[in-house]
PDB file of N, CA and C in Angstrom:
ATOM      1  N   UNK A   1     102.747 -83.553-151.429  1.00  0.00           N
ATOM      2  CA  UNK A   1     101.959 -83.817-150.287  1.00  0.00           C
ATOM      3  C   UNK A   1     101.799 -85.203-149.956  1.00  0.00           C
ATOM      4  N   UNK A   2     101.788 -86.143-150.824  1.00  0.00           N
ATOM      5  CA  UNK A   2     101.738 -87.547-150.589  1.00  0.00           C
ATOM      6  C   UNK A   2     102.950 -88.038-150.104  1.00  0.00           C
ATOM      7  N   UNK A   3     104.172 -87.422-150.600  1.00  0.00           N
ATOM      8  CA  UNK A   3     105.462 -87.836-150.124  1.00  0.00           C
ATOM      9  C   UNK A   3     105.621 -87.517-148.660  1.00  0.00           C
ATOM     10  N   UNK A   4     105.264 -86.396-148.313  1.00  0.00           N
ATOM     11  CA  UNK A   4     105.153 -85.885-146.854  1.00  0.00           C
ATOM     12  C   UNK A   4     104.245 -86.736-146.063  1.00  0.00           C
ATOM     13  N   UNK A   5     103.079 -87.027-146.498  1.00  0.00           N
ATOM     14  CA  UNK A   5     102.249 -87.864-145.715  1.00  0.00           C
ATOM     15  C   UNK A   5     102.698 -89.246-145.542  1.00  0.00           C
ATOM     16  N   UNK A   6     103.353 -89.834-146.586  1.00  0.00           N
ATOM     17  CA  UNK A   6     103.999 -91.214-146.279  1.00  0.00           C
ATOM     18  C   UNK A   6     105.087 -91.190-145.373  1.00  0.00           C
ATOM     19  N   UNK A   7     105.943 -90.211-145.495  1.00  0.00           N
ATOM     20  CA  UNK A   7     107.117 -90.001-144.605  1.00  0.00           C
ATOM     21  C   UNK A   7     106.531 -89.939-143.145  1.00  0.00           C
ATOM     22  N   UNK A   8     105.541 -89.033-142.865  1.00  0.00           N
ATOM     23  CA  UNK A   8     105.068 -88.810-141.475  1.00  0.00           C
ATOM     24  C   UNK A   8     104.452 -90.192-140.965  1.00  0.00           C
ATOM     25  N   UNK A   9     103.770 -90.781-141.804  1.00  0.00           N
ATOM     26  CA  UNK A   9     103.237 -92.125-141.365  1.00  0.00           C
ATOM     27  C   UNK A   9     104.230 -93.160-140.960  1.00  0.00           C
ATOM     28  N   UNK A  10     105.214 -93.290-141.924  1.00  0.00           N
ATOM     29  CA  UNK A  10     106.228 -94.295-141.717  1.00  0.00           C
ATOM     30  C   UNK A  10     107.416 -93.930-140.665  1.00  0.00           C
ATOM     31  N   UNK A  11     108.037 -92.728-140.768  1.00  0.00           N
ATOM     32  CA  UNK A  11     109.026 -92.461-140.031  1.00  0.00           C
ATOM     33  C   UNK A  11     108.741 -91.660-138.638  1.00  0.00           C
ATOM     34  N   UNK A  12     107.804 -90.890-138.791  1.00  0.00           N
ATOM     35  CA  UNK A  12     107.445 -90.144-137.384  1.00  0.00           C
ATOM     36  C   UNK A  12     106.374 -90.742-136.717  1.00  0.00           C
ATOM     37  N   UNK A  13     105.200 -91.045-137.208  1.00  0.00           N
ATOM     38  CA  UNK A  13     104.235 -91.736-136.504  1.00  0.00           C
ATOM     39  C   UNK A  13     104.257 -93.248-136.271  1.00  0.00           C
ATOM     40  N   UNK A  14     105.200 -93.778-137.157  1.00  0.00           N
ATOM     41  CA  UNK A  14     105.566 -95.180-137.060  1.00  0.00           C
ATOM     42  C   UNK A  14     104.234 -95.964-137.035  1.00  0.00           C
ATOM     43  N   UNK A  15     103.492 -95.714-138.170  1.00  0.00           N
ATOM     44  CA  UNK A  15     102.021 -96.291-138.138  1.00  0.00           C
ATOM     45  C   UNK A  15     102.013 -97.795-138.338  1.00  0.00           C
ATOM     46  N   UNK A  16     103.163 -98.453-138.859  1.00  0.00           N
ATOM     47  CA  UNK A  16     103.081 -99.970-138.826  1.00  0.00           C
ATOM     48  C   UNK A  16     103.191-100.425-137.382  1.00  0.00           C
ATOM     49  N   UNK A  17     103.925 -99.729-136.469  1.00  0.00           N
ATOM     50  CA  UNK A  17     104.072-100.158-135.038  1.00  0.00           C
ATOM     51  C   UNK A  17     102.804 -99.687-134.236  1.00  0.00           C
ATOM     52  N   UNK A  18     102.334 -98.421-134.628  1.00  0.00           N
ATOM     53  CA  UNK A  18     101.228 -97.832-133.660  1.00  0.00           C
ATOM     54  C   UNK A  18     100.193 -97.525-134.622  1.00  0.00           C
ATOM     55  N   UNK A  19      99.438 -98.426-135.163  1.00  0.00           N
ATOM     56  CA  UNK A  19      98.388 -98.265-136.309  1.00  0.00           C
ATOM     57  C   UNK A  19      97.111 -97.281-135.819  1.00  0.00           C
ATOM     58  N   UNK A  20      97.046 -97.126-134.645  1.00  0.00           N
ATOM     59  CA  UNK A  20      95.858 -96.368-133.956  1.00  0.00           C
ATOM     60  C   UNK A  20      96.278 -95.227-133.131  1.00  0.00           C
ATOM     61  N   UNK A  21      95.562 -94.068-133.252  1.00  0.00           N
ATOM     62  CA  UNK A  21      95.648 -93.108-132.126  1.00  0.00           C
ATOM     63  C   UNK A  21      94.284 -93.284-131.417  1.00  0.00           C
ATOM     64  N   UNK A  22      94.231 -93.206-130.075  1.00  0.00           N
ATOM     65  CA  UNK A  22      93.147 -93.387-129.368  1.00  0.00           C
ATOM     66  C   UNK A  22      92.776 -92.205-128.562  1.00  0.00           C
ATOM     67  N   UNK A  23      91.622 -91.868-128.594  1.00  0.00           N
ATOM     68  CA  UNK A  23      91.093 -90.729-127.683  1.00  0.00           C
ATOM     69  C   UNK A  23      90.062 -91.326-126.727  1.00  0.00           C
ATOM     70  N   UNK A  24      90.463 -90.969-125.437  1.00  0.00           N
ATOM     71  CA  UNK A  24      89.524 -91.487-124.289  1.00  0.00           C
ATOM     72  C   UNK A  24      88.916 -90.221-123.551  1.00  0.00           C
ATOM     73  N   UNK A  25      87.648 -89.809-123.833  1.00  0.00           N
ATOM     74  CA  UNK A  25      87.138 -88.702-123.151  1.00  0.00           C
ATOM     75  C   UNK A  25      86.918 -88.903-121.765  1.00  0.00           C
ATOM     76  N   UNK A  26      87.252 -87.763-121.021  1.00  0.00           N
ATOM     77  CA  UNK A  26      87.162 -87.697-119.660  1.00  0.00           C
ATOM     78  C   UNK A  26      86.198 -86.696-118.975  1.00  0.00           C
ATOM     79  N   UNK A  27      85.833 -85.741-119.817  1.00  0.00           N
ATOM     80  CA  UNK A  27      84.935 -84.618-119.382  1.00  0.00           C
ATOM     81  C   UNK A  27      84.282 -84.010-120.570  1.00  0.00           C
ATOM     82  N   UNK A  28      82.871 -83.668-120.181  1.00  0.00           N
ATOM     83  CA  UNK A  28      82.177 -82.910-121.318  1.00  0.00           C
ATOM     84  C   UNK A  28      81.991 -81.449-120.675  1.00  0.00           C
ATOM     85  N   UNK A  29      82.196 -80.447-121.495  1.00  0.00           N
ATOM     86  CA  UNK A  29      81.969 -79.025-120.888  1.00  0.00           C
ATOM     87  C   UNK A  29      80.888 -78.252-121.834  1.00  0.00           C
ATOM     88  N   UNK A  30      80.066 -77.599-121.258  1.00  0.00           N
ATOM     89  CA  UNK A  30      79.024 -76.764-121.935  1.00  0.00           C
ATOM     90  C   UNK A  30      77.730 -77.472-122.278  1.00  0.00           C
ATOM     91  N   UNK A  31      77.524 -78.497-121.642  1.00  0.00           N
ATOM     92  CA  UNK A  31      76.185 -79.051-122.051  1.00  0.00           C
ATOM     93  C   UNK A  31      75.030 -78.217-121.454  1.00  0.00           C
ATOM     94  N   UNK A  32      73.907 -77.962-122.200  1.00  0.00           N
ATOM     95  CA  UNK A  32      72.828 -77.244-121.712  1.00  0.00           C
ATOM     96  C   UNK A  32      72.025 -77.969-120.680  1.00  0.00           C
ATOM     97  N   UNK A  33      71.168 -77.109-120.045  1.00  0.00           N
ATOM     98  CA  UNK A  33      70.082 -77.876-119.112  1.00  0.00           C
ATOM     99  C   UNK A  33      69.120 -78.414-119.968  1.00  0.00           C
ATOM    100  N   UNK A  34      68.780 -77.849-121.264  1.00  0.00           N
ATOM    101  CA  UNK A  34      67.742 -78.413-121.961  1.00  0.00           C
ATOM    102  C   UNK A  34      68.226 -78.288-123.450  1.00  0.00           C
ATOM    103  N   UNK A  35      67.510 -79.066-124.230  1.00  0.00           N
ATOM    104  CA  UNK A  35      67.832 -79.273-125.607  1.00  0.00           C
ATOM    105  C   UNK A  35      66.577 -79.284-126.528  1.00  0.00           C
ATOM    106  N   UNK A  36      66.517 -78.571-127.626  1.00  0.00           N
ATOM    107  CA  UNK A  36      65.443 -78.673-128.607  1.00  0.00           C
ATOM    108  C   UNK A  36      66.016 -79.328-129.972  1.00  0.00           C
ATOM    109  N   UNK A  37      65.152 -80.428-130.314  1.00  0.00           N
ATOM    110  CA  UNK A  37      65.617 -81.118-131.559  1.00  0.00           C
ATOM    111  C   UNK A  37      65.949 -80.297-132.707  1.00  0.00           C
ATOM    112  N   UNK A  38      67.154 -80.510-133.394  1.00  0.00           N
ATOM    113  CA  UNK A  38      67.706 -79.744-134.407  1.00  0.00           C
ATOM    114  C   UNK A  38      68.572 -78.685-134.082  1.00  0.00           C
ATOM    115  N   UNK A  39      68.594 -78.268-132.736  1.00  0.00           N
ATOM    116  CA  UNK A  39      69.391 -77.224-132.382  1.00  0.00           C
ATOM    117  C   UNK A  39      70.905 -77.672-132.303  1.00  0.00           C
ATOM    118  N   UNK A  40      71.760 -76.785-132.762  1.00  0.00           N
ATOM    119  CA  UNK A  40      73.194 -77.133-132.707  1.00  0.00           C
ATOM    120  C   UNK A  40      73.779 -76.826-131.498  1.00  0.00           C
ATOM    121  N   UNK A  41      74.475 -77.727-130.812  1.00  0.00           N
ATOM    122  CA  UNK A  41      75.140 -77.386-129.503  1.00  0.00           C
ATOM    123  C   UNK A  41      76.705 -77.369-129.832  1.00  0.00           C
ATOM    124  N   UNK A  42      77.284 -76.342-129.155  1.00  0.00           N
ATOM    125  CA  UNK A  42      78.759 -76.295-129.301  1.00  0.00           C
ATOM    126  C   UNK A  42      79.273 -76.518-127.890  1.00  0.00           C
ATOM    127  N   UNK A  43      80.074 -77.730-127.623  1.00  0.00           N
ATOM    128  CA  UNK A  43      80.481 -78.235-126.447  1.00  0.00           C
ATOM    129  C   UNK A  43      81.963 -78.400-126.631  1.00  0.00           C
ATOM    130  N   UNK A  44      82.691 -78.822-125.543  1.00  0.00           N
ATOM    131  CA  UNK A  44      83.986 -79.218-125.462  1.00  0.00           C
ATOM    132  C   UNK A  44      84.163 -80.597-124.919  1.00  0.00           C
ATOM    133  N   UNK A  45      84.908 -81.483-125.496  1.00  0.00           N
ATOM    134  CA  UNK A  45      85.109 -82.674-125.064  1.00  0.00           C
ATOM    135  C   UNK A  45      86.639 -82.780-124.737  1.00  0.00           C
ATOM    136  N   UNK A  46      86.861 -82.929-123.383  1.00  0.00           N
ATOM    137  CA  UNK A  46      88.275 -83.046-122.979  1.00  0.00           C
ATOM    138  C   UNK A  46      88.701 -84.587-122.790  1.00  0.00           C
ATOM    139  N   UNK A  47      89.865 -85.021-123.027  1.00  0.00           N
ATOM    140  CA  UNK A  47      90.152 -86.406-122.878  1.00  0.00           C
ATOM    141  C   UNK A  47      91.747 -86.635-123.052  1.00  0.00           C
ATOM    142  N   UNK A  48      92.070 -87.809-123.054  1.00  0.00           N
ATOM    143  CA  UNK A  48      93.475 -88.325-123.348  1.00  0.00           C
ATOM    144  C   UNK A  48      93.616 -88.828-124.732  1.00  0.00           C
ATOM    145  N   UNK A  49      94.489 -88.103-125.358  1.00  0.00           N
ATOM    146  CA  UNK A  49      94.735 -88.711-126.727  1.00  0.00           C
ATOM    147  C   UNK A  49      96.094 -89.294-126.770  1.00  0.00           C
ATOM    148  N   UNK A  50      96.099 -90.607-127.137  1.00  0.00           N
ATOM    149  CA  UNK A  50      97.215 -91.493-127.209  1.00  0.00           C
ATOM    150  C   UNK A  50      97.770 -91.642-128.673  1.00  0.00           C
ATOM    151  N   UNK A  51      98.974 -91.137-128.875  1.00  0.00           N
ATOM    152  CA  UNK A  51      99.643 -91.267-130.279  1.00  0.00           C
ATOM    153  C   UNK A  51     100.972 -91.913-130.132  1.00  0.00           C
ATOM    154  N   UNK A  52     101.131 -92.945-130.771  1.00  0.00           N
ATOM    155  CA  UNK A  52     102.312 -93.747-130.403  1.00  0.00           C
ATOM    156  C   UNK A  52     102.234 -94.360-129.058  1.00  0.00           C
ATOM    157  N   UNK A  53     103.184 -94.090-128.335  1.00  0.00           N
ATOM    158  CA  UNK A  53     103.022 -94.469-126.848  1.00  0.00           C
ATOM    159  C   UNK A  53     103.016 -93.352-125.928  1.00  0.00           C
ATOM    160  N   UNK A  54     102.596 -92.270-126.310  1.00  0.00           N
ATOM    161  CA  UNK A  54     102.513 -90.943-125.592  1.00  0.00           C
ATOM    162  C   UNK A  54     101.162 -90.655-125.457  1.00  0.00           C
ATOM    163  N   UNK A  55     100.622 -90.235-124.323  1.00  0.00           N
ATOM    164  CA  UNK A  55      99.247 -89.685-124.009  1.00  0.00           C
ATOM    165  C   UNK A  55      99.325 -88.384-123.465  1.00  0.00           C
ATOM    166  N   UNK A  56      98.372 -87.386-124.152  1.00  0.00           N
ATOM    167  CA  UNK A  56      98.473 -86.071-123.595  1.00  0.00           C
ATOM    168  C   UNK A  56      96.895 -85.721-123.547  1.00  0.00           C
ATOM    169  N   UNK A  57      96.588 -84.908-122.593  1.00  0.00           N
ATOM    170  CA  UNK A  57      95.266 -84.169-122.379  1.00  0.00           C
ATOM    171  C   UNK A  57      94.958 -83.354-123.671  1.00  0.00           C
ATOM    172  N   UNK A  58      93.806 -83.462-124.385  1.00  0.00           N
ATOM    173  CA  UNK A  58      93.480 -82.847-125.529  1.00  0.00           C
ATOM    174  C   UNK A  58      92.137 -82.404-125.508  1.00  0.00           C
ATOM    175  N   UNK A  59      91.669 -81.359-126.060  1.00  0.00           N
ATOM    176  CA  UNK A  59      90.403 -80.499-125.874  1.00  0.00           C
ATOM    177  C   UNK A  59      89.884 -80.482-127.455  1.00  0.00           C
ATOM    178  N   UNK A  60      88.802 -81.074-127.694  1.00  0.00           N
ATOM    179  CA  UNK A  60      88.080 -81.097-128.948  1.00  0.00           C
ATOM    180  C   UNK A  60      86.833 -80.081-128.820  1.00  0.00           C
ATOM    181  N   UNK A  61      86.714 -79.114-129.720  1.00  0.00           N
ATOM    182  CA  UNK A  61      85.491 -78.390-129.784  1.00  0.00           C
ATOM    183  C   UNK A  61      84.522 -79.148-130.727  1.00  0.00           C
ATOM    184  N   UNK A  62      83.414 -79.285-130.209  1.00  0.00           N
ATOM    185  CA  UNK A  62      82.513 -80.221-130.956  1.00  0.00           C
ATOM    186  C   UNK A  62      81.156 -79.506-131.186  1.00  0.00           C
ATOM    187  N   UNK A  63      80.549 -79.603-132.443  1.00  0.00           N
ATOM    188  CA  UNK A  63      79.283 -79.138-132.693  1.00  0.00           C
ATOM    189  C   UNK A  63      78.356 -80.390-132.950  1.00  0.00           C
ATOM    190  N   UNK A  64      77.469 -80.538-132.242  1.00  0.00           N
ATOM    191  CA  UNK A  64      76.512 -81.691-132.479  1.00  0.00           C
ATOM    192  C   UNK A  64      75.071 -81.203-132.506  1.00  0.00           C
ATOM    193  N   UNK A  65      74.276 -82.069-133.150  1.00  0.00           N
ATOM    194  CA  UNK A  65      72.610 -81.854-133.326  1.00  0.00           C
ATOM    195  C   UNK A  65      72.060 -83.223-133.471  1.00  0.00           C
ATOM    196  N   UNK A  66      70.848 -83.285-133.073  1.00  0.00           N
ATOM    197  CA  UNK A  66      70.006 -84.494-133.394  1.00  0.00           C
ATOM    198  C   UNK A  66      68.988 -84.184-134.372  1.00  0.00           C
ATOM    199  N   UNK A  67      68.931 -85.219-135.344  1.00  0.00           N
ATOM    200  CA  UNK A  67      67.883 -85.363-136.268  1.00  0.00           C
ATOM    201  C   UNK A  67      67.289 -86.592-136.197  1.00  0.00           C
ATOM    202  N   UNK A  68      66.004 -86.541-135.561  1.00  0.00           N
ATOM    203  CA  UNK A  68      65.367 -87.900-135.278  1.00  0.00           C
ATOM    204  C   UNK A  68      66.048 -88.601-134.378  1.00  0.00           C
ATOM    205  N   UNK A  69      66.433 -89.841-134.597  1.00  0.00           N
ATOM    206  CA  UNK A  69      67.288 -90.640-133.527  1.00  0.00           C
ATOM    207  C   UNK A  69      68.716 -90.662-134.037  1.00  0.00           C
ATOM    208  N   UNK A  70      69.138 -89.778-134.842  1.00  0.00           N
ATOM    209  CA  UNK A  70      70.437 -89.624-135.307  1.00  0.00           C
ATOM    210  C   UNK A  70      71.279 -88.422-134.813  1.00  0.00           C
ATOM    211  N   UNK A  71      72.498 -88.674-134.047  1.00  0.00           N
ATOM    212  CA  UNK A  71      73.264 -87.561-133.627  1.00  0.00           C
ATOM    213  C   UNK A  71      74.331 -87.429-134.547  1.00  0.00           C
ATOM    214  N   UNK A  72      74.568 -86.174-135.189  1.00  0.00           N
ATOM    215  CA  UNK A  72      75.455 -85.634-136.135  1.00  0.00           C
ATOM    216  C   UNK A  72      76.509 -84.756-135.363  1.00  0.00           C
ATOM    217  N   UNK A  73      77.758 -84.808-135.659  1.00  0.00           N
ATOM    218  CA  UNK A  73      78.742 -84.080-135.056  1.00  0.00           C
ATOM    219  C   UNK A  73      80.020 -83.696-135.932  1.00  0.00           C
ATOM    220  N   UNK A  74      80.583 -82.717-135.469  1.00  0.00           N
ATOM    221  CA  UNK A  74      81.942 -82.380-136.006  1.00  0.00           C
ATOM    222  C   UNK A  74      82.915 -81.902-134.893  1.00  0.00           C
ATOM    223  N   UNK A  75      84.048 -82.550-134.780  1.00  0.00           N
ATOM    224  CA  UNK A  75      84.828 -82.245-133.752  1.00  0.00           C
ATOM    225  C   UNK A  75      86.343 -81.721-134.278  1.00  0.00           C
ATOM    226  N   UNK A  76      86.766 -80.705-133.675  1.00  0.00           N
ATOM    227  CA  UNK A  76      88.091 -80.018-133.998  1.00  0.00           C
ATOM    228  C   UNK A  76      88.931 -79.973-132.937  1.00  0.00           C
ATOM    229  N   UNK A  77      90.108 -80.353-133.020  1.00  0.00           N
ATOM    230  CA  UNK A  77      91.173 -80.128-131.974  1.00  0.00           C
ATOM    231  C   UNK A  77      92.535 -79.798-132.579  1.00  0.00           C
ATOM    232  N   UNK A  78      93.384 -79.395-131.789  1.00  0.00           N
ATOM    233  CA  UNK A  78      94.917 -78.930-132.098  1.00  0.00           C
ATOM    234  C   UNK A  78      95.754 -79.504-131.285  1.00  0.00           C
ATOM    235  N   UNK A  79      96.817 -80.169-131.798  1.00  0.00           N
ATOM    236  CA  UNK A  79      97.932 -80.650-130.870  1.00  0.00           C
ATOM    237  C   UNK A  79      99.224 -80.195-131.534  1.00  0.00           C
ATOM    238  N   UNK A  80     100.301 -80.391-130.827  1.00  0.00           N
ATOM    239  CA  UNK A  80     101.698 -80.354-131.423  1.00  0.00           C
ATOM    240  C   UNK A  80     102.425 -81.442-131.494  1.00  0.00           C
ATOM    241  N   UNK A  81     103.069 -81.839-132.510  1.00  0.00           N
ATOM    242  CA  UNK A  81     103.883 -82.967-132.681  1.00  0.00           C
ATOM    243  C   UNK A  81     104.916 -83.198-131.536  1.00  0.00           C
ATOM    244  N   UNK A  82     105.569 -82.137-131.204  1.00  0.00           N
ATOM    245  CA  UNK A  82     106.504 -82.295-130.201  1.00  0.00           C
ATOM    246  C   UNK A  82     105.957 -82.676-128.839  1.00  0.00           C
ATOM    247  N   UNK A  83     104.611 -82.522-128.688  1.00  0.00           N
ATOM    248  CA  UNK A  83     103.972 -82.994-127.369  1.00  0.00           C
ATOM    249  C   UNK A  83     103.978 -84.561-127.317  1.00  0.00           C
ATOM    250  N   UNK A  84     104.099 -85.113-128.526  1.00  0.00           N
ATOM    251  CA  UNK A  84     103.909 -86.587-128.711  1.00  0.00           C
ATOM    252  C   UNK A  84     105.346 -87.189-128.833  1.00  0.00           C
ATOM    253  N   UNK A  85     106.409 -86.400-128.729  1.00  0.00           N
ATOM    254  CA  UNK A  85     107.623 -86.985-128.713  1.00  0.00           C
ATOM    255  C   UNK A  85     108.469 -87.098-129.984  1.00  0.00           C
ATOM    256  N   UNK A  86     108.047 -86.234-130.973  1.00  0.00           N
ATOM    257  CA  UNK A  86     108.791 -86.248-132.337  1.00  0.00           C
ATOM    258  C   UNK A  86     108.732 -84.825-132.806  1.00  0.00           C
ATOM    259  N   UNK A  87     109.806 -84.503-133.599  1.00  0.00           N
ATOM    260  CA  UNK A  87     109.895 -83.232-134.172  1.00  0.00           C
ATOM    261  C   UNK A  87     109.114 -83.162-135.460  1.00  0.00           C
ATOM    262  N   UNK A  88     108.686 -81.956-135.883  1.00  0.00           N
ATOM    263  CA  UNK A  88     108.101 -81.732-137.157  1.00  0.00           C
ATOM    264  C   UNK A  88     108.922 -82.272-138.360  1.00  0.00           C
ATOM    265  N   UNK A  89     108.402 -83.077-139.214  1.00  0.00           N
ATOM    266  CA  UNK A  89     109.222 -83.595-140.239  1.00  0.00           C
ATOM    267  C   UNK A  89     109.837 -82.603-141.227  1.00  0.00           C
ATOM    268  N   UNK A  90     110.999 -82.962-141.702  1.00  0.00           N
ATOM    269  CA  UNK A  90     111.656 -82.162-142.793  1.00  0.00           C
ATOM    270  C   UNK A  90     112.122 -83.115-143.702  1.00  0.00           C
ATOM    271  N   UNK A  91     111.915 -82.928-144.970  1.00  0.00           N
ATOM    272  CA  UNK A  91     112.152 -83.898-146.078  1.00  0.00           C
ATOM    273  C   UNK A  91     113.175 -83.193-147.015  1.00  0.00           C
ATOM    274  N   UNK A  92     114.492 -83.552-146.986  1.00  0.00           N
ATOM    275  CA  UNK A  92     115.496 -83.136-147.890  1.00  0.00           C
ATOM    276  C   UNK A  92     115.642 -81.643-147.846  1.00  0.00           C
ATOM    277  N   UNK A  93     115.364 -81.027-146.771  1.00  0.00           N
ATOM    278  CA  UNK A  93     115.496 -79.641-146.629  1.00  0.00           C
ATOM    279  C   UNK A  93     114.586 -78.816-147.510  1.00  0.00           C
ATOM    280  N   UNK A  94     113.654 -79.492-148.217  1.00  0.00           N
ATOM    281  CA  UNK A  94     112.726 -78.758-149.122  1.00  0.00           C
ATOM    282  C   UNK A  94     111.252 -78.649-148.518  1.00  0.00           C
ATOM    283  N   UNK A  95     110.943 -79.765-147.822  1.00  0.00           N
ATOM    284  CA  UNK A  95     109.542 -79.682-147.263  1.00  0.00           C
ATOM    285  C   UNK A  95     109.639 -79.834-145.781  1.00  0.00           C
ATOM    286  N   UNK A  96     108.917 -78.733-145.036  1.00  0.00           N
ATOM    287  CA  UNK A  96     108.887 -78.688-143.599  1.00  0.00           C
ATOM    288  C   UNK A  96     107.532 -78.697-143.332  1.00  0.00           C
ATOM    289  N   UNK A  97     107.342 -79.520-142.363  1.00  0.00           N
ATOM    290  CA  UNK A  97     105.933 -79.590-141.642  1.00  0.00           C
ATOM    291  C   UNK A  97     105.743 -78.628-140.478  1.00  0.00           C
ATOM    292  N   UNK A  98     104.527 -78.192-140.274  1.00  0.00           N
ATOM    293  CA  UNK A  98     104.445 -77.310-139.038  1.00  0.00           C
ATOM    294  C   UNK A  98     104.354 -78.172-137.681  1.00  0.00           C
ATOM    295  N   UNK A  99     104.630 -77.669-136.646  1.00  0.00           N
ATOM    296  CA  UNK A  99     104.416 -78.335-135.514  1.00  0.00           C
ATOM    297  C   UNK A  99     103.053 -78.576-135.072  1.00  0.00           C
ATOM    298  N   UNK A 100     102.189 -77.654-135.215  1.00  0.00           N
ATOM    299  CA  UNK A 100     100.797 -77.704-135.057  1.00  0.00           C
ATOM    300  C   UNK A 100     100.146 -78.630-136.017  1.00  0.00           C
ATOM    301  N   UNK A 101      99.234 -79.550-135.486  1.00  0.00           N
ATOM    302  CA  UNK A 101      98.325 -80.507-136.275  1.00  0.00           C
ATOM    303  C   UNK A 101      96.967 -80.342-135.968  1.00  0.00           C
ATOM    304  N   UNK A 102      96.156 -80.118-136.902  1.00  0.00           N
ATOM    305  CA  UNK A 102      94.903 -79.790-136.662  1.00  0.00           C
ATOM    306  C   UNK A 102      94.070 -81.119-136.904  1.00  0.00           C
ATOM    307  N   UNK A 103      93.231 -81.680-136.084  1.00  0.00           N
ATOM    308  CA  UNK A 103      92.589 -82.844-136.128  1.00  0.00           C
ATOM    309  C   UNK A 103      91.011 -82.576-136.257  1.00  0.00           C
ATOM    310  N   UNK A 104      90.413 -83.036-137.313  1.00  0.00           N
ATOM    311  CA  UNK A 104      88.978 -82.677-137.602  1.00  0.00           C
ATOM    312  C   UNK A 104      88.320 -84.058-138.053  1.00  0.00           C
ATOM    313  N   UNK A 105      87.223 -84.381-137.331  1.00  0.00           N
ATOM    314  CA  UNK A 105      86.508 -85.596-137.829  1.00  0.00           C
ATOM    315  C   UNK A 105      85.054 -85.308-137.678  1.00  0.00           C
ATOM    316  N   UNK A 106      84.228 -85.950-138.518  1.00  0.00           N
ATOM    317  CA  UNK A 106      82.720 -85.770-138.510  1.00  0.00           C
ATOM    318  C   UNK A 106      82.305 -87.199-138.057  1.00  0.00           C
ATOM    319  N   UNK A 107      81.219 -87.190-137.346  1.00  0.00           N
ATOM    320  CA  UNK A 107      80.660 -88.439-136.816  1.00  0.00           C
ATOM    321  C   UNK A 107      79.176 -88.640-136.887  1.00  0.00           C
ATOM    322  N   UNK A 108      78.694 -89.727-137.023  1.00  0.00           N
ATOM    323  CA  UNK A 108      77.144 -89.964-136.895  1.00  0.00           C
ATOM    324  C   UNK A 108      77.155 -91.172-135.806  1.00  0.00           C
ATOM    325  N   UNK A 109      76.111 -90.976-134.869  1.00  0.00           N
ATOM    326  CA  UNK A 109      75.681 -91.832-133.967  1.00  0.00           C
ATOM    327  C   UNK A 109      74.236 -92.227-133.979  1.00  0.00           C
ATOM    328  N   UNK A 110      74.114 -93.593-134.125  1.00  0.00           N
ATOM    329  CA  UNK A 110      72.750 -94.105-134.099  1.00  0.00           C
ATOM    330  C   UNK A 110      72.424 -94.978-132.936  1.00  0.00           C
ATOM    331  N   UNK A 111      71.097 -95.094-132.641  1.00  0.00           N
ATOM    332  CA  UNK A 111      70.816 -95.985-131.666  1.00  0.00           C
ATOM    333  C   UNK A 111      71.161 -97.442-131.947  1.00  0.00           C
ATOM    334  N   UNK A 112      71.657 -98.161-130.885  1.00  0.00           N
ATOM    335  CA  UNK A 112      71.951 -99.492-130.949  1.00  0.00           C
ATOM    336  C   UNK A 112      70.750-100.294-131.132  1.00  0.00           C
ATOM    337  N   UNK A 113      70.622-101.270-132.028  1.00  0.00           N
ATOM    338  CA  UNK A 113      69.356-101.996-132.168  1.00  0.00           C
ATOM    339  C   UNK A 113      69.661-103.427-132.117  1.00  0.00           C
TER     340      UNK A 113
END
């Protein structure tokens, strides 16, 4: 797995040239009219995901909740490598990656002080 991860970073993602992927939200879907503290909301965040020098509209399903003044969340999305201009990696004919890539991240937001 580490060999495949390294190859993907170096040869396909070109991480030394493009060290960051950037997501720019453009739309929130499913926000309720009201909210009770501690309630978990399931919403969608639509935006532009920039990987290397290619940008594609991407949808993340996000679960968020407030605990005090802290916002906790988890976002999940799926993209395809070919949408960003590269084929799924194959290493020595022994290791093949899938075209689908699942992106998951957890986040915490606090008020700015």
